[in-house]
């Protein structure tokens, strides 16, 4: 395994490494990523700590997502309505 001296990793890489470790196991993931299992285990612990949030915070996030999804759903219904009207208009135009 080739070791990288003083290599800096961004958060996206660390998150993907943690996901890979969950799928393959820490040892295999570390080998594939050419990092030590110890650093991967450290990233996993940090990720778990960051992942824990209060119930109030989770409820707030869920509520925000619900509002966002309701808005998106309303917008999609409007688009569908317009498309139905357009389809009806053009089908009538073709019959003439």
PDB file of N, CA and C in Angstrom:
ATOM      1  N   UNK A   1       0.850  -1.170   0.000  1.00  0.00           N
ATOM      2  CA  UNK A   1       0.000   0.000   0.000  1.00  0.00           C
ATOM      3  C   UNK A   1       0.893   1.229   0.000  1.00  0.00           C
ATOM      4  N   UNK A   2       0.670   2.093  -0.962  1.00  0.00           N
ATOM      5  CA  UNK A   2       1.456   3.320  -1.053  1.00  0.00           C
ATOM      6  C   UNK A   2       0.912   4.352  -0.078  1.00  0.00           C
ATOM      7  N   UNK A   3       1.774   4.847   0.790  1.00  0.00           N
ATOM      8  CA  UNK A   3       1.354   5.845   1.762  1.00  0.00           C
ATOM      9  C   UNK A   3       1.585   7.231   1.195  1.00  0.00           C
ATOM     10  N   UNK A   4       0.680   8.105   1.518  1.00  0.00           N
ATOM     11  CA  UNK A   4       0.790   9.485   1.069  1.00  0.00           C
ATOM     12  C   UNK A   4       1.275  10.321   2.244  1.00  0.00           C
ATOM     13  N   UNK A   5       2.375  10.992   2.082  1.00  0.00           N
ATOM     14  CA  UNK A   5       2.948  11.780   3.161  1.00  0.00           C
ATOM     15  C   UNK A   5       2.235  13.117   3.279  1.00  0.00           C
ATOM     16  N   UNK A   6       1.736  13.412   4.471  1.00  0.00           N
ATOM     17  CA  UNK A   6       1.084  14.689   4.768  1.00  0.00           C
ATOM     18  C   UNK A   6       0.002  15.053   3.754  1.00  0.00           C
ATOM     19  N   UNK A   7      -0.749  14.084   3.327  1.00  0.00           N
ATOM     20  CA  UNK A   7      -1.817  14.315   2.361  1.00  0.00           C
ATOM     21  C   UNK A   7      -3.011  14.975   3.059  1.00  0.00           C
ATOM     22  N   UNK A   8      -3.564  16.003   2.440  1.00  0.00           N
ATOM     23  CA  UNK A   8      -4.767  16.666   2.942  1.00  0.00           C
ATOM     24  C   UNK A   8      -5.959  16.150   2.152  1.00  0.00           C
ATOM     25  N   UNK A   9      -7.019  15.809   2.851  1.00  0.00           N
ATOM     26  CA  UNK A   9      -8.220  15.288   2.215  1.00  0.00           C
ATOM     27  C   UNK A   9      -9.371  16.242   2.489  1.00  0.00           C
ATOM     28  N   UNK A  10     -10.193  16.488   1.466  1.00  0.00           N
ATOM     29  CA  UNK A  10     -11.340  17.368   1.679  1.00  0.00           C
ATOM     30  C   UNK A  10     -12.502  16.583   2.290  1.00  0.00           C
ATOM     31  N   UNK A  11     -13.509  17.318   2.746  1.00  0.00           N
ATOM     32  CA  UNK A  11     -14.636  16.694   3.434  1.00  0.00           C
ATOM     33  C   UNK A  11     -15.415  15.744   2.535  1.00  0.00           C
ATOM     34  N   UNK A  12     -15.512  16.067   1.264  1.00  0.00           N
ATOM     35  CA  UNK A  12     -16.233  15.195   0.334  1.00  0.00           C
ATOM     36  C   UNK A  12     -15.545  13.836   0.226  1.00  0.00           C
ATOM     37  N   UNK A  13     -14.225  13.849   0.149  1.00  0.00           N
ATOM     38  CA  UNK A  13     -13.476  12.591   0.080  1.00  0.00           C
ATOM     39  C   UNK A  13     -13.683  11.777   1.352  1.00  0.00           C
ATOM     40  N   UNK A  14     -13.628  12.452   2.495  1.00  0.00           N
ATOM     41  CA  UNK A  14     -13.800  11.765   3.774  1.00  0.00           C
ATOM     42  C   UNK A  14     -15.185  11.141   3.881  1.00  0.00           C
ATOM     43  N   UNK A  15     -16.202  11.876   3.449  1.00  0.00           N
ATOM     44  CA  UNK A  15     -17.571  11.357   3.498  1.00  0.00           C
ATOM     45  C   UNK A  15     -17.725  10.139   2.602  1.00  0.00           C
ATOM     46  N   UNK A  16     -17.154  10.213   1.403  1.00  0.00           N
ATOM     47  CA  UNK A  16     -17.218   9.064   0.497  1.00  0.00           C
ATOM     48  C   UNK A  16     -16.439   7.885   1.057  1.00  0.00           C
ATOM     49  N   UNK A  17     -15.333   8.154   1.726  1.00  0.00           N
ATOM     50  CA  UNK A  17     -14.538   7.086   2.329  1.00  0.00           C
ATOM     51  C   UNK A  17     -15.330   6.395   3.434  1.00  0.00           C
ATOM     52  N   UNK A  18     -16.055   7.169   4.223  1.00  0.00           N
ATOM     53  CA  UNK A  18     -16.868   6.594   5.300  1.00  0.00           C
ATOM     54  C   UNK A  18     -17.969   5.721   4.709  1.00  0.00           C
ATOM     55  N   UNK A  19     -18.604   6.193   3.634  1.00  0.00           N
ATOM     56  CA  UNK A  19     -19.645   5.387   2.986  1.00  0.00           C
ATOM     57  C   UNK A  19     -19.063   4.080   2.431  1.00  0.00           C
ATOM     58  N   UNK A  20     -17.903   4.186   1.824  1.00  0.00           N
ATOM     59  CA  UNK A  20     -17.257   2.993   1.292  1.00  0.00           C
ATOM     60  C   UNK A  20     -16.919   2.020   2.415  1.00  0.00           C
ATOM     61  N   UNK A  21     -16.473   2.540   3.545  1.00  0.00           N
ATOM     62  CA  UNK A  21     -16.149   1.694   4.697  1.00  0.00           C
ATOM     63  C   UNK A  21     -17.394   0.989   5.215  1.00  0.00           C
ATOM     64  N   UNK A  22     -18.537   1.646   5.136  1.00  0.00           N
ATOM     65  CA  UNK A  22     -19.781   1.014   5.569  1.00  0.00           C
ATOM     66  C   UNK A  22     -20.162  -0.123   4.629  1.00  0.00           C
ATOM     67  N   UNK A  23     -19.860   0.040   3.348  1.00  0.00           N
ATOM     68  CA  UNK A  23     -20.211  -0.978   2.357  1.00  0.00           C
ATOM     69  C   UNK A  23     -19.237  -2.154   2.368  1.00  0.00           C
ATOM     70  N   UNK A  24     -17.938  -1.847   2.368  1.00  0.00           N
ATOM     71  CA  UNK A  24     -16.921  -2.890   2.203  1.00  0.00           C
ATOM     72  C   UNK A  24     -16.256  -3.320   3.499  1.00  0.00           C
ATOM     73  N   UNK A  25     -16.368  -2.490   4.495  1.00  0.00           N
ATOM     74  CA  UNK A  25     -15.610  -2.718   5.719  1.00  0.00           C
ATOM     75  C   UNK A  25     -14.410  -1.795   5.726  1.00  0.00           C
ATOM     76  N   UNK A  26     -13.966  -1.385   6.925  1.00  0.00           N
ATOM     77  CA  UNK A  26     -12.891  -0.397   7.008  1.00  0.00           C
ATOM     78  C   UNK A  26     -11.576  -0.852   6.395  1.00  0.00           C
ATOM     79  N   UNK A  27     -11.226  -2.095   6.567  1.00  0.00           N
ATOM     80  CA  UNK A  27      -9.946  -2.577   6.082  1.00  0.00           C
ATOM     81  C   UNK A  27      -9.872  -2.553   4.557  1.00  0.00           C
ATOM     82  N   UNK A  28     -10.887  -3.113   3.903  1.00  0.00           N
ATOM     83  CA  UNK A  28     -10.894  -3.143   2.435  1.00  0.00           C
ATOM     84  C   UNK A  28     -11.007  -1.741   1.850  1.00  0.00           C
ATOM     85  N   UNK A  29     -11.841  -0.908   2.480  1.00  0.00           N
ATOM     86  CA  UNK A  29     -11.999   0.461   1.985  1.00  0.00           C
ATOM     87  C   UNK A  29     -10.681   1.225   2.101  1.00  0.00           C
ATOM     88  N   UNK A  30     -10.002   1.061   3.230  1.00  0.00           N
ATOM     89  CA  UNK A  30      -8.721   1.752   3.426  1.00  0.00           C
ATOM     90  C   UNK A  30      -7.701   1.300   2.390  1.00  0.00           C
ATOM     91  N   UNK A  31      -7.689   0.021   2.086  1.00  0.00           N
ATOM     92  CA  UNK A  31      -6.770  -0.501   1.078  1.00  0.00           C
ATOM     93  C   UNK A  31      -7.074   0.098  -0.291  1.00  0.00           C
ATOM     94  N   UNK A  32      -8.345   0.134  -0.651  1.00  0.00           N
ATOM     95  CA  UNK A  32      -8.723   0.682  -1.955  1.00  0.00           C
ATOM     96  C   UNK A  32      -8.398   2.168  -2.077  1.00  0.00           C
ATOM     97  N   UNK A  33      -8.525   2.886  -0.959  1.00  0.00           N
ATOM     98  CA  UNK A  33      -8.289   4.326  -0.987  1.00  0.00           C
ATOM     99  C   UNK A  33      -6.831   4.697  -0.707  1.00  0.00           C
ATOM    100  N   UNK A  34      -6.008   3.708  -0.432  1.00  0.00           N
ATOM    101  CA  UNK A  34      -4.589   3.906  -0.139  1.00  0.00           C
ATOM    102  C   UNK A  34      -4.386   4.808   1.082  1.00  0.00           C
ATOM    103  N   UNK A  35      -5.175   4.525   2.110  1.00  0.00           N
ATOM    104  CA  UNK A  35      -5.020   5.214   3.393  1.00  0.00           C
ATOM    105  C   UNK A  35      -4.940   4.157   4.479  1.00  0.00           C
ATOM    106  N   UNK A  36      -4.554   4.564   5.676  1.00  0.00           N
ATOM    107  CA  UNK A  36      -4.457   3.597   6.766  1.00  0.00           C
ATOM    108  C   UNK A  36      -5.840   3.367   7.371  1.00  0.00           C
ATOM    109  N   UNK A  37      -6.092   2.162   7.870  1.00  0.00           N
ATOM    110  CA  UNK A  37      -7.373   1.899   8.526  1.00  0.00           C
ATOM    111  C   UNK A  37      -7.590   2.800   9.748  1.00  0.00           C
ATOM    112  N   UNK A  38      -6.512   3.208  10.405  1.00  0.00           N
ATOM    113  CA  UNK A  38      -6.642   4.060  11.588  1.00  0.00           C
ATOM    114  C   UNK A  38      -7.243   5.416  11.228  1.00  0.00           C
ATOM    115  N   UNK A  39      -6.781   6.016  10.136  1.00  0.00           N
ATOM    116  CA  UNK A  39      -7.323   7.311   9.740  1.00  0.00           C
ATOM    117  C   UNK A  39      -8.768   7.175   9.292  1.00  0.00           C
ATOM    118  N   UNK A  40      -9.088   6.071   8.647  1.00  0.00           N
ATOM    119  CA  UNK A  40     -10.466   5.843   8.217  1.00  0.00           C
ATOM    120  C   UNK A  40     -11.379   5.664   9.429  1.00  0.00           C
ATOM    121  N   UNK A  41     -10.904   4.941  10.433  1.00  0.00           N
ATOM    122  CA  UNK A  41     -11.703   4.777  11.651  1.00  0.00           C
ATOM    123  C   UNK A  41     -11.903   6.110  12.359  1.00  0.00           C
ATOM    124  N   UNK A  42     -10.886   6.946  12.350  1.00  0.00           N
ATOM    125  CA  UNK A  42     -11.018   8.281  12.941  1.00  0.00           C
ATOM    126  C   UNK A  42     -12.077   9.085  12.193  1.00  0.00           C
ATOM    127  N   UNK A  43     -12.055   9.041  10.865  1.00  0.00           N
ATOM    128  CA  UNK A  43     -13.053   9.756  10.072  1.00  0.00           C
ATOM    129  C   UNK A  43     -14.450   9.231  10.368  1.00  0.00           C
ATOM    130  N   UNK A  44     -14.570   7.916  10.553  1.00  0.00           N
ATOM    131  CA  UNK A  44     -15.870   7.326  10.878  1.00  0.00           C
ATOM    132  C   UNK A  44     -16.391   7.856  12.205  1.00  0.00           C
ATOM    133  N   UNK A  45     -15.527   7.969  13.203  1.00  0.00           N
ATOM    134  CA  UNK A  45     -15.942   8.482  14.506  1.00  0.00           C
ATOM    135  C   UNK A  45     -16.362   9.941  14.406  1.00  0.00           C
ATOM    136  N   UNK A  46     -15.586  10.735  13.682  1.00  0.00           N
ATOM    137  CA  UNK A  46     -15.918  12.149  13.504  1.00  0.00           C
ATOM    138  C   UNK A  46     -17.250  12.281  12.773  1.00  0.00           C
ATOM    139  N   UNK A  47     -17.455  11.449  11.763  1.00  0.00           N
ATOM    140  CA  UNK A  47     -18.691  11.477  10.999  1.00  0.00           C
ATOM    141  C   UNK A  47     -19.883  11.149  11.890  1.00  0.00           C
ATOM    142  N   UNK A  48     -19.728  10.170  12.777  1.00  0.00           N
ATOM    143  CA  UNK A  48     -20.817   9.800  13.683  1.00  0.00           C
ATOM    144  C   UNK A  48     -21.151  10.941  14.632  1.00  0.00           C
ATOM    145  N   UNK A  49     -20.152  11.636  15.121  1.00  0.00           N
ATOM    146  CA  UNK A  49     -20.388  12.760  16.031  1.00  0.00           C
ATOM    147  C   UNK A  49     -21.109  13.883  15.299  1.00  0.00           C
ATOM    148  N   UNK A  50     -20.672  14.174  14.078  1.00  0.00           N
ATOM    149  CA  UNK A  50     -21.319  15.224  13.300  1.00  0.00           C
ATOM    150  C   UNK A  50     -22.752  14.844  12.945  1.00  0.00           C
ATOM    151  N   UNK A  51     -22.986  13.562  12.768  1.00  0.00           N
ATOM    152  CA  UNK A  51     -24.290  13.083  12.350  1.00  0.00           C
ATOM    153  C   UNK A  51     -25.332  13.218  13.456  1.00  0.00           C
ATOM    154  N   UNK A  52     -24.883  13.153  14.706  1.00  0.00           N
ATOM    155  CA  UNK A  52     -25.805  13.255  15.824  1.00  0.00           C
ATOM    156  C   UNK A  52     -26.251  14.700  15.979  1.00  0.00           C
ATOM    157  N   UNK A  53     -27.535  14.903  15.855  1.00  0.00           N
ATOM    158  CA  UNK A  53     -28.088  16.223  16.071  1.00  0.00           C
ATOM    159  C   UNK A  53     -29.280  16.090  17.003  1.00  0.00           C
ATOM    160  N   UNK A  54     -29.665  17.179  17.588  1.00  0.00           N
ATOM    161  CA  UNK A  54     -30.749  17.134  18.562  1.00  0.00           C
ATOM    162  C   UNK A  54     -32.074  16.804  17.879  1.00  0.00           C
ATOM    163  N   UNK A  55     -33.006  16.328  18.673  1.00  0.00           N
ATOM    164  CA  UNK A  55     -34.324  15.992  18.131  1.00  0.00           C
ATOM    165  C   UNK A  55     -35.035  17.240  17.623  1.00  0.00           C
ATOM    166  N   UNK A  56     -34.820  18.360  18.316  1.00  0.00           N
ATOM    167  CA  UNK A  56     -35.449  19.608  17.880  1.00  0.00           C
ATOM    168  C   UNK A  56     -34.905  20.038  16.518  1.00  0.00           C
ATOM    169  N   UNK A  57     -33.596  19.903  16.349  1.00  0.00           N
ATOM    170  CA  UNK A  57     -32.974  20.259  15.076  1.00  0.00           C
ATOM    171  C   UNK A  57     -33.487  19.346  13.966  1.00  0.00           C
ATOM    172  N   UNK A  58     -33.621  18.061  14.255  1.00  0.00           N
ATOM    173  CA  UNK A  58     -34.129  17.118  13.259  1.00  0.00           C
ATOM    174  C   UNK A  58     -35.571  17.445  12.905  1.00  0.00           C
ATOM    175  N   UNK A  59     -36.382  17.789  13.899  1.00  0.00           N
ATOM    176  CA  UNK A  59     -37.777  18.157  13.645  1.00  0.00           C
ATOM    177  C   UNK A  59     -37.848  19.404  12.766  1.00  0.00           C
ATOM    178  N   UNK A  60     -36.980  20.383  13.033  1.00  0.00           N
ATOM    179  CA  UNK A  60     -36.945  21.596  12.225  1.00  0.00           C
ATOM    180  C   UNK A  60     -36.555  21.279  10.781  1.00  0.00           C
ATOM    181  N   UNK A  61     -35.537  20.422  10.631  1.00  0.00           N
ATOM    182  CA  UNK A  61     -35.101  20.034   9.281  1.00  0.00           C
ATOM    183  C   UNK A  61     -36.196  19.279   8.542  1.00  0.00           C
ATOM    184  N   UNK A  62     -36.884  18.389   9.248  1.00  0.00           N
ATOM    185  CA  UNK A  62     -37.984  17.640   8.633  1.00  0.00           C
ATOM    186  C   UNK A  62     -39.103  18.569   8.192  1.00  0.00           C
ATOM    187  N   UNK A  63     -39.411  19.565   9.039  1.00  0.00           N
ATOM    188  CA  UNK A  63     -40.468  20.519   8.699  1.00  0.00           C
ATOM    189  C   UNK A  63     -40.080  21.344   7.468  1.00  0.00           C
ATOM    190  N   UNK A  64     -38.842  21.795   7.420  1.00  0.00           N
ATOM    191  CA  UNK A  64     -38.373  22.551   6.256  1.00  0.00           C
ATOM    192  C   UNK A  64     -38.441  21.710   4.990  1.00  0.00           C
ATOM    193  N   UNK A  65     -38.062  20.445   5.102  1.00  0.00           N
ATOM    194  CA  UNK A  65     -38.116  19.566   3.929  1.00  0.00           C
ATOM    195  C   UNK A  65     -39.557  19.344   3.493  1.00  0.00           C
ATOM    196  N   UNK A  66     -40.455  19.180   4.459  1.00  0.00           N
ATOM    197  CA  UNK A  66     -41.865  18.998   4.141  1.00  0.00           C
ATOM    198  C   UNK A  66     -42.410  20.207   3.387  1.00  0.00           C
ATOM    199  N   UNK A  67     -42.088  21.409   3.871  1.00  0.00           N
ATOM    200  CA  UNK A  67     -42.537  22.624   3.189  1.00  0.00           C
ATOM    201  C   UNK A  67     -41.963  22.717   1.779  1.00  0.00           C
ATOM    202  N   UNK A  68     -40.696  22.370   1.631  1.00  0.00           N
ATOM    203  CA  UNK A  68     -40.057  22.404   0.319  1.00  0.00           C
ATOM    204  C   UNK A  68     -40.718  21.408  -0.637  1.00  0.00           C
ATOM    205  N   UNK A  69     -41.016  20.214  -0.131  1.00  0.00           N
ATOM    206  CA  UNK A  69     -41.630  19.195  -0.974  1.00  0.00           C
ATOM    207  C   UNK A  69     -43.063  19.571  -1.353  1.00  0.00           C
ATOM    208  N   UNK A  70     -43.788  20.182  -0.426  1.00  0.00           N
ATOM    209  CA  UNK A  70     -45.147  20.632  -0.741  1.00  0.00           C
ATOM    210  C   UNK A  70     -45.121  21.703  -1.832  1.00  0.00           C
ATOM    211  N   UNK A  71     -44.172  22.632  -1.726  1.00  0.00           N
ATOM    212  CA  UNK A  71     -44.045  23.680  -2.740  1.00  0.00           C
ATOM    213  C   UNK A  71     -43.695  23.062  -4.090  1.00  0.00           C
ATOM    214  N   UNK A  72     -42.743  22.129  -4.086  1.00  0.00           N
ATOM    215  CA  UNK A  72     -42.344  21.463  -5.323  1.00  0.00           C
ATOM    216  C   UNK A  72     -43.518  20.692  -5.916  1.00  0.00           C
ATOM    217  N   UNK A  73     -44.299  20.025  -5.067  1.00  0.00           N
ATOM    218  CA  UNK A  73     -45.456  19.267  -5.521  1.00  0.00           C
ATOM    219  C   UNK A  73     -46.478  20.201  -6.172  1.00  0.00           C
ATOM    220  N   UNK A  74     -46.718  21.347  -5.554  1.00  0.00           N
ATOM    221  CA  UNK A  74     -47.659  22.327  -6.107  1.00  0.00           C
ATOM    222  C   UNK A  74     -47.179  22.804  -7.480  1.00  0.00           C
ATOM    223  N   UNK A  75     -45.895  23.105  -7.591  1.00  0.00           N
ATOM    224  CA  UNK A  75     -45.340  23.562  -8.860  1.00  0.00           C
ATOM    225  C   UNK A  75     -45.465  22.484  -9.931  1.00  0.00           C
ATOM    226  N   UNK A  76     -45.229  21.233  -9.560  1.00  0.00           N
ATOM    227  CA  UNK A  76     -45.337  20.136 -10.527  1.00  0.00           C
ATOM    228  C   UNK A  76     -46.785  19.967 -10.990  1.00  0.00           C
ATOM    229  N   UNK A  77     -47.733  20.138 -10.074  1.00  0.00           N
ATOM    230  CA  UNK A  77     -49.147  20.043 -10.454  1.00  0.00           C
ATOM    231  C   UNK A  77     -49.512  21.134 -11.441  1.00  0.00           C
ATOM    232  N   UNK A  78     -48.950  22.340 -11.249  1.00  0.00           N
ATOM    233  CA  UNK A  78     -49.209  23.439 -12.168  1.00  0.00           C
ATOM    234  C   UNK A  78     -48.638  23.122 -13.555  1.00  0.00           C
ATOM    235  N   UNK A  79     -47.447  22.563 -13.590  1.00  0.00           N
ATOM    236  CA  UNK A  79     -46.820  22.197 -14.867  1.00  0.00           C
ATOM    237  C   UNK A  79     -47.659  21.133 -15.576  1.00  0.00           C
ATOM    238  N   UNK A  80     -48.113  20.150 -14.831  1.00  0.00           N
ATOM    239  CA  UNK A  80     -48.933  19.084 -15.421  1.00  0.00           C
ATOM    240  C   UNK A  80     -50.225  19.651 -15.986  1.00  0.00           C
ATOM    241  N   UNK A  81     -50.843  20.582 -15.270  1.00  0.00           N
ATOM    242  CA  UNK A  81     -52.079  21.206 -15.737  1.00  0.00           C
ATOM    243  C   UNK A  81     -51.842  21.950 -17.052  1.00  0.00           C
ATOM    244  N   UNK A  82     -50.776  22.699 -17.132  1.00  0.00           N
ATOM    245  CA  UNK A  82     -50.447  23.421 -18.359  1.00  0.00           C
ATOM    246  C   UNK A  82     -50.204  22.443 -19.508  1.00  0.00           C
ATOM    247  N   UNK A  83     -49.473  21.370 -19.226  1.00  0.00           N
ATOM    248  CA  UNK A  83     -49.197  20.384 -20.278  1.00  0.00           C
ATOM    249  C   UNK A  83     -50.474  19.694 -20.756  1.00  0.00           C
ATOM    250  N   UNK A  84     -51.405  19.420 -19.839  1.00  0.00           N
ATOM    251  CA  UNK A  84     -52.678  18.801 -20.236  1.00  0.00           C
ATOM    252  C   UNK A  84     -53.468  19.742 -21.141  1.00  0.00           C
ATOM    253  N   UNK A  85     -53.486  21.032 -20.779  1.00  0.00           N
ATOM    254  CA  UNK A  85     -54.200  22.008 -21.600  1.00  0.00           C
ATOM    255  C   UNK A  85     -53.558  22.139 -22.978  1.00  0.00           C
ATOM    256  N   UNK A  86     -52.235  22.133 -23.001  1.00  0.00           N
ATOM    257  CA  UNK A  86     -51.539  22.228 -24.282  1.00  0.00           C
ATOM    258  C   UNK A  86     -51.804  20.999 -25.141  1.00  0.00           C
ATOM    259  N   UNK A  87     -51.799  19.846 -24.518  1.00  0.00           N
ATOM    260  CA  UNK A  87     -52.060  18.612 -25.264  1.00  0.00           C
ATOM    261  C   UNK A  87     -53.470  18.628 -25.831  1.00  0.00           C
ATOM    262  N   UNK A  88     -54.431  19.085 -25.045  1.00  0.00           N
ATOM    263  CA  UNK A  88     -55.818  19.158 -25.526  1.00  0.00           C
ATOM    264  C   UNK A  88     -55.928  20.170 -26.664  1.00  0.00           C
ATOM    265  N   UNK A  89     -55.280  21.305 -26.530  1.00  0.00           N
ATOM    266  CA  UNK A  89     -55.319  22.333 -27.577  1.00  0.00           C
ATOM    267  C   UNK A  89     -54.754  21.799 -28.886  1.00  0.00           C
ATOM    268  N   UNK A  90     -53.585  21.159 -28.807  1.00  0.00           N
ATOM    269  CA  UNK A  90     -52.952  20.679 -30.030  1.00  0.00           C
ATOM    270  C   UNK A  90     -53.678  19.476 -30.619  1.00  0.00           C
ATOM    271  N   UNK A  91     -54.312  18.659 -29.794  1.00  0.00           N
ATOM    272  CA  UNK A  91     -55.069  17.542 -30.362  1.00  0.00           C
ATOM    273  C   UNK A  91     -56.312  18.047 -31.075  1.00  0.00           C
ATOM    274  N   UNK A  92     -56.943  19.104 -30.563  1.00  0.00           N
ATOM    275  CA  UNK A  92     -58.092  19.714 -31.242  1.00  0.00           C
ATOM    276  C   UNK A  92     -57.651  20.392 -32.525  1.00  0.00           C
ATOM    277  N   UNK A  93     -56.486  21.004 -32.523  1.00  0.00           N
ATOM    278  CA  UNK A  93     -55.988  21.685 -33.723  1.00  0.00           C
ATOM    279  C   UNK A  93     -55.694  20.692 -34.832  1.00  0.00           C
ATOM    280  N   UNK A  94     -55.270  19.495 -34.500  1.00  0.00           N
ATOM    281  CA  UNK A  94     -54.953  18.493 -35.511  1.00  0.00           C
ATOM    282  C   UNK A  94     -56.221  17.914 -36.124  1.00  0.00           C
ATOM    283  N   UNK A  95     -57.334  17.894 -35.372  1.00  0.00           N
ATOM    284  CA  UNK A  95     -58.579  17.332 -35.891  1.00  0.00           C
ATOM    285  C   UNK A  95     -59.204  18.233 -36.958  1.00  0.00           C
ATOM    286  N   UNK A  96     -58.892  19.496 -36.934  1.00  0.00           N
ATOM    287  CA  UNK A  96     -59.511  20.434 -37.890  1.00  0.00           C
ATOM    288  C   UNK A  96     -58.852  20.397 -39.226  1.00  0.00           C
TER     289      UNK A  96
END
